[in-house]
C-alpha atoms as a PDB file:
ATOM      1  CA  MET A   1     116.594  80.703  86.204  1.00  0.00           C
ATOM      2  CA  ALA A   2     116.786  83.145  89.060  1.00  0.00           C
ATOM      3  CA  SER A   3     113.740  85.278  89.930  1.00  0.00           C
ATOM      4  CA  MET A   4     114.473  88.869  90.344  1.00  0.00           C
ATOM      5  CA  ASN A   5     113.265  90.724  93.434  1.00  0.00           C
ATOM      6  CA  ARG A   6     111.633  94.136  92.629  1.00  0.00           C
ATOM      7  CA  VAL A   7     111.913  97.136  94.653  1.00  0.00           C
ATOM      8  CA  ASP A   8     109.228  99.641  94.742  1.00  0.00           C
ATOM      9  CA  THR A   9     111.187 102.664  93.656  1.00  0.00           C
ATOM     10  CA  GLY A  10     108.183 104.897  94.751  1.00  0.00           C
ATOM     11  CA  ALA A  11     108.342 103.819  98.071  1.00  0.00           C
ATOM     12  CA  VAL A  12     112.134 104.304  98.301  1.00  0.00           C
ATOM     13  CA  PHE A  13     112.885 107.370  96.286  1.00  0.00           C
ATOM     14  CA  LYS A  14     112.207 110.680  98.503  1.00  0.00           C
ATOM     15  CA  HIS A  15     111.840 114.225  97.292  1.00  0.00           C
ATOM     16  CA  PRO A  16     111.688 117.307  99.686  1.00  0.00           C
ATOM     17  CA  VAL A  17     108.970 119.102 101.038  1.00  0.00           C
ATOM     18  CA  HIS A  18     108.798 122.505 102.861  1.00  0.00           C
ATOM     19  CA  CYS A  19     106.891 122.786 105.918  1.00  0.00           C
ATOM     20  CA  PHE A  20     105.356 126.192 106.200  1.00  0.00           C
ATOM     21  CA  GLY A  21     104.901 125.732 110.047  1.00  0.00           C
ATOM     22  CA  CYS A  22     108.621 125.448 111.041  1.00  0.00           C
ATOM     23  CA  HIS A  23     110.217 126.735 107.391  1.00  0.00           C
ATOM     24  CA  GLU A  24     112.410 123.304 107.105  1.00  0.00           C
ATOM     25  CA  VAL A  25     112.335 120.853 104.412  1.00  0.00           C
ATOM     26  CA  PHE A  26     111.983 117.346 105.046  1.00  0.00           C
ATOM     27  CA  TYR A  27     112.065 114.213 102.491  1.00  0.00           C
ATOM     28  CA  PHE A  28     108.859 112.157 101.951  1.00  0.00           C
ATOM     29  CA  THR A  29     108.867 109.151  99.788  1.00  0.00           C
ATOM     30  CA  LEU A  30     107.269 109.629  96.256  1.00  0.00           C
ATOM     31  CA  ARG A  31     104.082 107.398  97.173  1.00  0.00           C
ATOM     32  CA  GLU A  32     103.762 109.382 100.312  1.00  0.00           C
ATOM     33  CA  ILE A  33     103.684 112.535  98.360  1.00  0.00           C
ATOM     34  CA  ALA A  34     101.189 111.510  95.462  1.00  0.00           C
ATOM     35  CA  GLY A  35      99.012 109.469  98.026  1.00  0.00           C
ATOM     36  CA  ALA A  36      98.295 112.040 100.802  1.00  0.00           C
ATOM     37  CA  GLN A  37      96.408 115.048 101.331  1.00  0.00           C
ATOM     38  CA  LYS A  38      98.220 115.984 104.237  1.00  0.00           C
ATOM     39  CA  LEU A  39     101.910 115.127 105.680  1.00  0.00           C
ATOM     40  CA  ALA A  40     102.901 115.265 109.318  1.00  0.00           C
ATOM     41  CA  CYS A  41     105.730 117.369 109.653  1.00  0.00           C
ATOM     42  CA  PRO A  42     108.378 115.438 111.685  1.00  0.00           C
ATOM     43  CA  GLN A  43     109.654 118.502 113.645  1.00  0.00           C
ATOM     44  CA  CYS A  44     106.734 121.024 114.352  1.00  0.00           C
ATOM     45  CA  ASP A  45     103.781 118.058 114.152  1.00  0.00           C
ATOM     46  CA  SER A  46     101.936 120.526 112.063  1.00  0.00           C
ATOM     47  CA  ASP A  47     100.300 119.261 108.835  1.00  0.00           C
ATOM     48  CA  ILE A  48     101.871 119.975 105.444  1.00  0.00           C
ATOM     49  CA  ASN A  49      98.847 120.597 103.491  1.00  0.00           C
ATOM     50  CA  LEU A  50      99.371 119.071 100.241  1.00  0.00           C
ATOM     51  CA  ALA A  51      96.044 120.446  98.604  1.00  0.00           C
ATOM     52  CA  ASP A  52      97.707 123.662  99.132  1.00  0.00           C
ATOM     53  CA  ARG A  53      98.450 125.727  95.746  1.00  0.00           C
ATOM     54  CA  ALA A  54     101.805 125.858  96.741  1.00  0.00           C
ATOM     55  CA  TYR A  55     102.354 121.919  96.377  1.00  0.00           C
ATOM     56  CA  GLU A  56     100.321 121.889  93.049  1.00  0.00           C
ATOM     57  CA  SER A  57     103.293 121.361  90.649  1.00  0.00           C
ATOM     58  CA  LEU A  58     104.800 118.721  93.256  1.00  0.00           C
ATOM     59  CA  ILE A  59     101.808 116.542  93.320  1.00  0.00           C
ATOM     60  CA  ILE A  60     101.361 116.430  89.713  1.00  0.00           C
ATOM     61  CA  TRP A  61     105.222 115.584  89.396  1.00  0.00           C
ATOM     62  CA  ALA A  62     105.080 112.865  91.834  1.00  0.00           C
ATOM     63  CA  LYS A  63     102.106 111.143  90.503  1.00  0.00           C
ATOM     64  CA  ASP A  64     103.421 111.221  86.898  1.00  0.00           C
ATOM     65  CA  THR A  65     106.431 109.864  88.407  1.00  0.00           C
ATOM     66  CA  ILE A  66     104.764 107.163  90.026  1.00  0.00           C
ATOM     67  CA  ALA A  67     102.555 106.260  87.001  1.00  0.00           C
ATOM     68  CA  VAL A  68     105.728 105.895  85.017  1.00  0.00           C
ATOM     69  CA  ILE A  69     107.307 103.839  87.738  1.00  0.00           C
ATOM     70  CA  ASP A  70     104.222 101.334  88.210  1.00  0.00           C
ATOM     71  CA  GLN A  71     104.351 101.050  84.083  1.00  0.00           C
ATOM     72  CA  ILE A  72     107.974  99.974  84.064  1.00  0.00           C
ATOM     73  CA  GLN A  73     107.576  97.790  87.345  1.00  0.00           C
ATOM     74  CA  ASN A  74     104.636  96.066  85.986  1.00  0.00           C
ATOM     75  CA  SER A  75     106.054  95.423  82.647  1.00  0.00           C
ATOM     76  CA  PRO A  76     108.071  92.026  82.004  1.00  0.00           C
ATOM     77  CA  PRO A  77     111.755  92.314  82.778  1.00  0.00           C
ATOM     78  CA  CYS A  78     114.485  92.997  80.110  1.00  0.00           C
ATOM     79  CA  ARG A  79     115.978  89.998  79.182  1.00  0.00           C
ATOM     80  CA  ALA A  80     119.406  91.741  79.316  1.00  0.00           C
ATOM     81  CA  LEU A  81     118.652  92.388  82.921  1.00  0.00           C
ATOM     82  CA  GLN A  82     117.859  88.545  83.769  1.00  0.00           C
ATOM     83  CA  VAL A  83     120.266  86.810  85.852  1.00  0.00           C
ATOM     84  CA  VAL A  84     121.281  83.419  84.446  1.00  0.00           C
ATOM     85  CA  VAL A  85     122.143  80.696  87.033  1.00  0.00           C
END
């Protein structure tokens, strides 16, 4: 039986985050959003302060999504998805 490589979807999937410094939107991974207090804006180098109430629902959503991803990735793979060699 072949082994399956798992991809950390939380480190791959991205979501837009608005920078109030330059008023642009940039994409960050779900793990970056869920695990950081601040993100660095790639354009204006200002801090995107995720502790700001404006980001509260985004942080809750990202953490909940990461929890589901981790739960699924830590469970045994479905037999229907296993590749037989």
